[in-house]
Amino acid sequence: MPLEFLYGVGAVILLGVLIWAVAVPRLKSSKARTISEEATRMQYEHPETYKRHQDELEAMAEQAEEEERARQS
């Protein structure tokens, strides 16, 4: 009996985490999404030069997210 109860609790927790992960996207600002899409496009079109620009693009996306959080506060 206790083992079946734990399976049920685990399933409910997993369901909650999945719902949260879908409902709260990582990149919320449109500017950060645009930068992320551009980085993905660059990665597939120019994989040899993408590695050089990867850190710069990640920093730009993080900065856009921080600006969005500051604006919301």
N, C-alpha and C. Protein backbone atom coordinates (compact mmCIF):
# COMPACT_ATOMS: atom_id res chain seq x y z
N MET A 1 0.81 -1.20 0.00
CA MET A 1 0.00 0.00 0.00
C MET A 1 0.86 1.27 0.00
N PRO A 2 1.86 1.43 0.88
CA PRO A 2 2.64 2.68 0.88
C PRO A 2 3.37 2.91 -0.44
N LEU A 3 3.84 1.84 -1.09
CA LEU A 3 4.57 2.00 -2.34
C LEU A 3 3.67 2.55 -3.43
N GLU A 4 2.45 2.09 -3.51
CA GLU A 4 1.51 2.59 -4.51
C GLU A 4 1.20 4.07 -4.25
N PHE A 5 1.10 4.42 -2.98
CA PHE A 5 0.85 5.82 -2.61
C PHE A 5 2.00 6.71 -3.10
N LEU A 6 3.23 6.26 -2.94
CA LEU A 6 4.39 7.04 -3.38
C LEU A 6 4.41 7.20 -4.89
N TYR A 7 3.99 6.16 -5.64
CA TYR A 7 3.90 6.29 -7.09
C TYR A 7 2.91 7.39 -7.47
N GLY A 8 1.78 7.41 -6.78
CA GLY A 8 0.77 8.44 -7.05
C GLY A 8 1.28 9.83 -6.74
N VAL A 9 1.95 9.99 -5.60
CA VAL A 9 2.51 11.29 -5.23
C VAL A 9 3.57 11.71 -6.24
N GLY A 10 4.41 10.78 -6.65
CA GLY A 10 5.44 11.09 -7.64
C GLY A 10 4.84 11.51 -8.97
N ALA A 11 3.76 10.85 -9.37
CA ALA A 11 3.10 11.20 -10.64
C ALA A 11 2.50 12.60 -10.56
N VAL A 12 1.91 12.95 -9.44
CA VAL A 12 1.32 14.28 -9.28
C VAL A 12 2.42 15.35 -9.28
N ILE A 13 3.52 15.08 -8.61
CA ILE A 13 4.64 16.03 -8.61
C ILE A 13 5.20 16.20 -10.01
N LEU A 14 5.38 15.11 -10.72
CA LEU A 14 5.88 15.17 -12.09
C LEU A 14 4.93 15.97 -12.98
N LEU A 15 3.65 15.74 -12.84
CA LEU A 15 2.67 16.49 -13.62
C LEU A 15 2.77 17.98 -13.33
N GLY A 16 2.90 18.32 -12.06
CA GLY A 16 3.04 19.73 -11.69
C GLY A 16 4.27 20.38 -12.29
N VAL A 17 5.38 19.67 -12.25
CA VAL A 17 6.62 20.20 -12.83
C VAL A 17 6.48 20.37 -14.34
N LEU A 18 5.87 19.43 -15.01
CA LEU A 18 5.69 19.54 -16.46
C LEU A 18 4.78 20.71 -16.83
N ILE A 19 3.71 20.89 -16.08
CA ILE A 19 2.82 22.02 -16.34
C ILE A 19 3.56 23.34 -16.12
N TRP A 20 4.34 23.42 -15.04
CA TRP A 20 5.10 24.64 -14.76
C TRP A 20 6.11 24.91 -15.87
N ALA A 21 6.79 23.87 -16.34
CA ALA A 21 7.83 24.03 -17.37
C ALA A 21 7.23 24.53 -18.68
N VAL A 22 6.02 24.11 -18.99
CA VAL A 22 5.38 24.56 -20.22
C VAL A 22 4.81 25.96 -20.05
N ALA A 23 4.29 26.26 -18.88
CA ALA A 23 3.61 27.54 -18.65
C ALA A 23 4.58 28.70 -18.47
N VAL A 24 5.78 28.46 -17.99
CA VAL A 24 6.73 29.53 -17.71
C VAL A 24 7.93 29.37 -18.64
N PRO A 25 7.88 29.99 -19.82
CA PRO A 25 9.01 29.87 -20.74
C PRO A 25 10.25 30.56 -20.18
N ARG A 26 11.38 30.06 -20.57
CA ARG A 26 12.65 30.58 -20.06
C ARG A 26 12.91 32.01 -20.54
N LEU A 27 12.72 32.23 -21.83
CA LEU A 27 12.94 33.56 -22.38
C LEU A 27 11.59 34.26 -22.53
N LYS A 28 11.38 35.30 -21.76
CA LYS A 28 10.08 35.95 -21.74
C LYS A 28 10.00 37.17 -22.64
N SER A 29 11.05 37.91 -22.75
CA SER A 29 10.98 39.14 -23.55
C SER A 29 11.10 38.83 -25.03
N SER A 30 10.44 39.65 -25.83
CA SER A 30 10.47 39.43 -27.27
C SER A 30 11.87 39.69 -27.83
N LYS A 31 12.59 40.62 -27.22
CA LYS A 31 13.96 40.90 -27.67
C LYS A 31 14.86 39.69 -27.44
N ALA A 32 14.73 39.06 -26.27
CA ALA A 32 15.54 37.88 -25.96
C ALA A 32 15.17 36.72 -26.90
N ARG A 33 13.89 36.57 -27.21
CA ARG A 33 13.48 35.51 -28.14
C ARG A 33 14.06 35.76 -29.53
N THR A 34 14.06 37.01 -29.97
CA THR A 34 14.62 37.36 -31.28
C THR A 34 16.11 37.03 -31.33
N ILE A 35 16.82 37.38 -30.26
CA ILE A 35 18.26 37.08 -30.21
C ILE A 35 18.48 35.57 -30.22
N SER A 36 17.65 34.84 -29.50
CA SER A 36 17.78 33.38 -29.47
C SER A 36 17.52 32.77 -30.84
N GLU A 37 16.51 33.27 -31.54
CA GLU A 37 16.22 32.77 -32.88
C GLU A 37 17.36 33.08 -33.85
N GLU A 38 17.92 34.27 -33.73
CA GLU A 38 19.06 34.63 -34.57
C GLU A 38 20.26 33.74 -34.29
N ALA A 39 20.49 33.42 -33.01
CA ALA A 39 21.60 32.53 -32.65
C ALA A 39 21.38 31.14 -33.23
N THR A 40 20.17 30.65 -33.18
CA THR A 40 19.87 29.33 -33.74
C THR A 40 20.08 29.33 -35.25
N ARG A 41 19.62 30.39 -35.91
CA ARG A 41 19.79 30.50 -37.36
C ARG A 41 21.28 30.53 -37.72
N MET A 42 22.05 31.32 -36.95
CA MET A 42 23.49 31.41 -37.21
C MET A 42 24.18 30.07 -36.97
N GLN A 43 23.73 29.35 -35.96
CA GLN A 43 24.35 28.06 -35.63
C GLN A 43 24.19 27.08 -36.79
N TYR A 44 23.04 27.09 -37.44
CA TYR A 44 22.82 26.15 -38.55
C TYR A 44 23.39 26.64 -39.87
N GLU A 45 23.37 27.94 -40.09
CA GLU A 45 23.88 28.46 -41.36
C GLU A 45 25.41 28.56 -41.39
N HIS A 46 26.01 28.91 -40.25
CA HIS A 46 27.46 29.11 -40.18
C HIS A 46 28.02 28.44 -38.92
N PRO A 47 28.03 27.12 -38.87
CA PRO A 47 28.46 26.44 -37.64
C PRO A 47 29.93 26.70 -37.28
N GLU A 48 30.77 26.98 -38.28
CA GLU A 48 32.19 27.18 -37.98
C GLU A 48 32.45 28.52 -37.29
N THR A 49 31.63 29.53 -37.59
CA THR A 49 31.83 30.82 -36.94
C THR A 49 30.92 31.02 -35.73
N TYR A 50 29.96 30.15 -35.55
CA TYR A 50 29.02 30.31 -34.44
C TYR A 50 29.71 30.24 -33.09
N LYS A 51 30.67 29.34 -32.95
CA LYS A 51 31.35 29.16 -31.67
C LYS A 51 32.00 30.47 -31.20
N ARG A 52 32.49 31.26 -32.14
CA ARG A 52 33.14 32.52 -31.78
C ARG A 52 32.14 33.54 -31.26
N HIS A 53 30.91 33.50 -31.75
CA HIS A 53 29.90 34.48 -31.40
C HIS A 53 28.92 33.98 -30.34
N GLN A 54 29.04 32.75 -29.92
CA GLN A 54 28.07 32.14 -29.00
C GLN A 54 28.00 32.91 -27.67
N ASP A 55 29.14 33.20 -27.07
CA ASP A 55 29.15 33.91 -25.79
C ASP A 55 28.54 35.30 -25.91
N GLU A 56 28.84 35.97 -27.00
CA GLU A 56 28.30 37.31 -27.22
C GLU A 56 26.77 37.28 -27.34
N LEU A 57 26.24 36.31 -28.09
CA LEU A 57 24.80 36.20 -28.25
C LEU A 57 24.11 35.82 -26.94
N GLU A 58 24.73 34.94 -26.17
CA GLU A 58 24.16 34.57 -24.88
C GLU A 58 24.13 35.78 -23.94
N ALA A 59 25.18 36.58 -23.96
CA ALA A 59 25.22 37.77 -23.12
C ALA A 59 24.15 38.77 -23.53
N MET A 60 23.93 38.91 -24.83
CA MET A 60 22.89 39.82 -25.31
C MET A 60 21.51 39.37 -24.85
N ALA A 61 21.25 38.06 -24.92
CA ALA A 61 19.96 37.53 -24.49
C ALA A 61 19.77 37.72 -22.99
N GLU A 62 20.81 37.48 -22.22
CA GLU A 62 20.73 37.67 -20.77
C GLU A 62 20.48 39.14 -20.43
N GLN A 63 21.14 40.03 -21.14
CA GLN A 63 20.96 41.46 -20.91
C GLN A 63 19.53 41.88 -21.24
N ALA A 64 18.97 41.34 -22.31
CA ALA A 64 17.59 41.65 -22.68
C ALA A 64 16.63 41.16 -21.60
N GLU A 65 16.90 39.99 -21.04
CA GLU A 65 16.06 39.46 -19.97
C GLU A 65 16.15 40.35 -18.73
N GLU A 66 17.35 40.78 -18.37
CA GLU A 66 17.53 41.64 -17.20
C GLU A 66 16.82 42.98 -17.40
N GLU A 67 16.89 43.54 -18.61
CA GLU A 67 16.20 44.78 -18.89
C GLU A 67 14.68 44.61 -18.75
N GLU A 68 14.18 43.48 -19.21
CA GLU A 68 12.75 43.21 -19.11
C GLU A 68 12.33 43.07 -17.65
N ARG A 69 13.13 42.38 -16.85
CA ARG A 69 12.82 42.24 -15.42
C ARG A 69 12.86 43.58 -14.71
N ALA A 70 13.84 44.41 -15.06
CA ALA A 70 13.95 45.74 -14.44
C ALA A 70 12.76 46.61 -14.81
N ARG A 71 12.31 46.49 -16.04
CA ARG A 71 11.17 47.29 -16.50
C ARG A 71 9.89 46.84 -15.80
N GLN A 72 9.76 45.54 -15.51
CA GLN A 72 8.57 45.03 -14.85
C GLN A 72 8.54 45.38 -13.37
N SER A 73 9.69 45.59 -12.77
CA SER A 73 9.75 45.89 -11.33
C SER A 73 9.39 47.31 -11.00
